[in-house]
Amino acid sequence: MTPETNKSTNVADKMKSVKAAWDKAPSGPKKDAALKHYQAAEKAHNAKHDADAIKELDAAAHALA
């Protein structure tokens, strides 16, 4: 596996993890904020900007905490 493929796999795994946490979270402002970060992470990931995607996923996880 190339380093590029490995990064994308790590981002995809992290996206699944954050999405699962988001699904379990109760409705409210924290969940809404996390959704905005998650959607930004999806855009970044689709554009192959893995660093930005990870930053947004971290922000989403923090918003749910």
C-alpha atoms as a PDB file:
ATOM      1  CA  MET A   1       0.000   0.000   0.000  1.00  0.00           C
ATOM      2  CA  THR A   2       1.407   3.387  -0.947  1.00  0.00           C
ATOM      3  CA  PRO A   3       1.585   6.200   1.596  1.00  0.00           C
ATOM      4  CA  GLU A   4      -1.119   8.085  -0.333  1.00  0.00           C
ATOM      5  CA  THR A   5      -3.474   5.108  -0.230  1.00  0.00           C
ATOM      6  CA  ASN A   6      -2.701   4.598   3.448  1.00  0.00           C
ATOM      7  CA  LYS A   7      -3.593   8.233   4.240  1.00  0.00           C
ATOM      8  CA  SER A   8      -6.910   7.937   2.428  1.00  0.00           C
ATOM      9  CA  THR A   9      -7.670   4.722   4.282  1.00  0.00           C
ATOM     10  CA  ASN A  10      -6.902   6.415   7.602  1.00  0.00           C
ATOM     11  CA  VAL A  11      -9.201   9.314   6.718  1.00  0.00           C
ATOM     12  CA  ALA A  12     -11.952   6.927   5.640  1.00  0.00           C
ATOM     13  CA  ASP A  13     -11.612   4.973   8.893  1.00  0.00           C
ATOM     14  CA  LYS A  14     -11.699   8.161  10.936  1.00  0.00           C
ATOM     15  CA  MET A  15     -14.768   9.337   9.004  1.00  0.00           C
ATOM     16  CA  LYS A  16     -16.562   6.089   9.867  1.00  0.00           C
ATOM     17  CA  SER A  17     -15.623   6.494  13.519  1.00  0.00           C
ATOM     18  CA  VAL A  18     -16.788  10.115  13.735  1.00  0.00           C
ATOM     19  CA  LYS A  19     -19.992   9.289  11.833  1.00  0.00           C
ATOM     20  CA  ALA A  20     -20.761   6.480  14.296  1.00  0.00           C
ATOM     21  CA  ALA A  21     -20.224   8.858  17.237  1.00  0.00           C
ATOM     22  CA  TRP A  22     -22.402  11.467  15.540  1.00  0.00           C
ATOM     23  CA  ASP A  23     -25.180   8.914  14.964  1.00  0.00           C
ATOM     24  CA  LYS A  24     -25.208   8.056  18.685  1.00  0.00           C
ATOM     25  CA  ALA A  25     -25.136  11.673  19.891  1.00  0.00           C
ATOM     26  CA  PRO A  26     -28.328  13.297  21.157  1.00  0.00           C
ATOM     27  CA  SER A  27     -29.839  16.089  19.081  1.00  0.00           C
ATOM     28  CA  GLY A  28     -28.729  19.585  19.918  1.00  0.00           C
ATOM     29  CA  PRO A  29     -26.218  22.310  19.106  1.00  0.00           C
ATOM     30  CA  LYS A  30     -23.186  20.039  19.592  1.00  0.00           C
ATOM     31  CA  LYS A  31     -24.527  17.549  17.056  1.00  0.00           C
ATOM     32  CA  ASP A  32     -25.341  20.373  14.623  1.00  0.00           C
ATOM     33  CA  ALA A  33     -21.808  21.792  14.919  1.00  0.00           C
ATOM     34  CA  ALA A  34     -20.286  18.349  14.456  1.00  0.00           C
ATOM     35  CA  LEU A  35     -22.358  17.801  11.308  1.00  0.00           C
ATOM     36  CA  LYS A  36     -20.983  20.979   9.730  1.00  0.00           C
ATOM     37  CA  HIS A  37     -17.422  19.815  10.407  1.00  0.00           C
ATOM     38  CA  TYR A  38     -18.191  16.318   9.139  1.00  0.00           C
ATOM     39  CA  GLN A  39     -19.628  17.694   5.891  1.00  0.00           C
ATOM     40  CA  ALA A  40     -16.534  19.872   5.440  1.00  0.00           C
ATOM     41  CA  ALA A  41     -14.392  16.777   6.020  1.00  0.00           C
ATOM     42  CA  GLU A  42     -16.315  14.898   3.326  1.00  0.00           C
ATOM     43  CA  LYS A  43     -15.680  17.712   0.844  1.00  0.00           C
ATOM     44  CA  ALA A  44     -11.992  17.839   1.729  1.00  0.00           C
ATOM     45  CA  HIS A  45     -11.647  14.067   1.475  1.00  0.00           C
ATOM     46  CA  ASN A  46     -13.355  13.985  -1.922  1.00  0.00           C
ATOM     47  CA  ALA A  47     -10.988  16.724  -3.101  1.00  0.00           C
ATOM     48  CA  LYS A  48      -8.017  14.620  -1.873  1.00  0.00           C
ATOM     49  CA  HIS A  49      -7.131  17.160   0.845  1.00  0.00           C
ATOM     50  CA  ASP A  50      -6.565  14.617   3.587  1.00  0.00           C
ATOM     51  CA  ALA A  51      -4.919  17.030   6.028  1.00  0.00           C
ATOM     52  CA  ASP A  52      -7.946  19.325   5.885  1.00  0.00           C
ATOM     53  CA  ALA A  53     -10.285  16.341   6.217  1.00  0.00           C
ATOM     54  CA  ILE A  54      -8.500  15.141   9.351  1.00  0.00           C
ATOM     55  CA  LYS A  55      -8.605  18.665  10.815  1.00  0.00           C
ATOM     56  CA  GLU A  56     -12.368  18.856  10.247  1.00  0.00           C
ATOM     57  CA  LEU A  57     -12.902  15.353  11.657  1.00  0.00           C
ATOM     58  CA  ASP A  58     -10.974  16.312  14.777  1.00  0.00           C
ATOM     59  CA  ALA A  59     -13.153  19.407  15.110  1.00  0.00           C
ATOM     60  CA  ALA A  60     -16.294  17.269  14.679  1.00  0.00           C
ATOM     61  CA  ALA A  61     -15.151  14.841  17.365  1.00  0.00           C
ATOM     62  CA  HIS A  62     -14.326  17.757  19.665  1.00  0.00           C
ATOM     63  CA  ALA A  63     -17.771  19.289  19.074  1.00  0.00           C
ATOM     64  CA  LEU A  64     -19.386  16.023  20.172  1.00  0.00           C
ATOM     65  CA  ALA A  65     -17.294  15.776  23.346  1.00  0.00           C
END
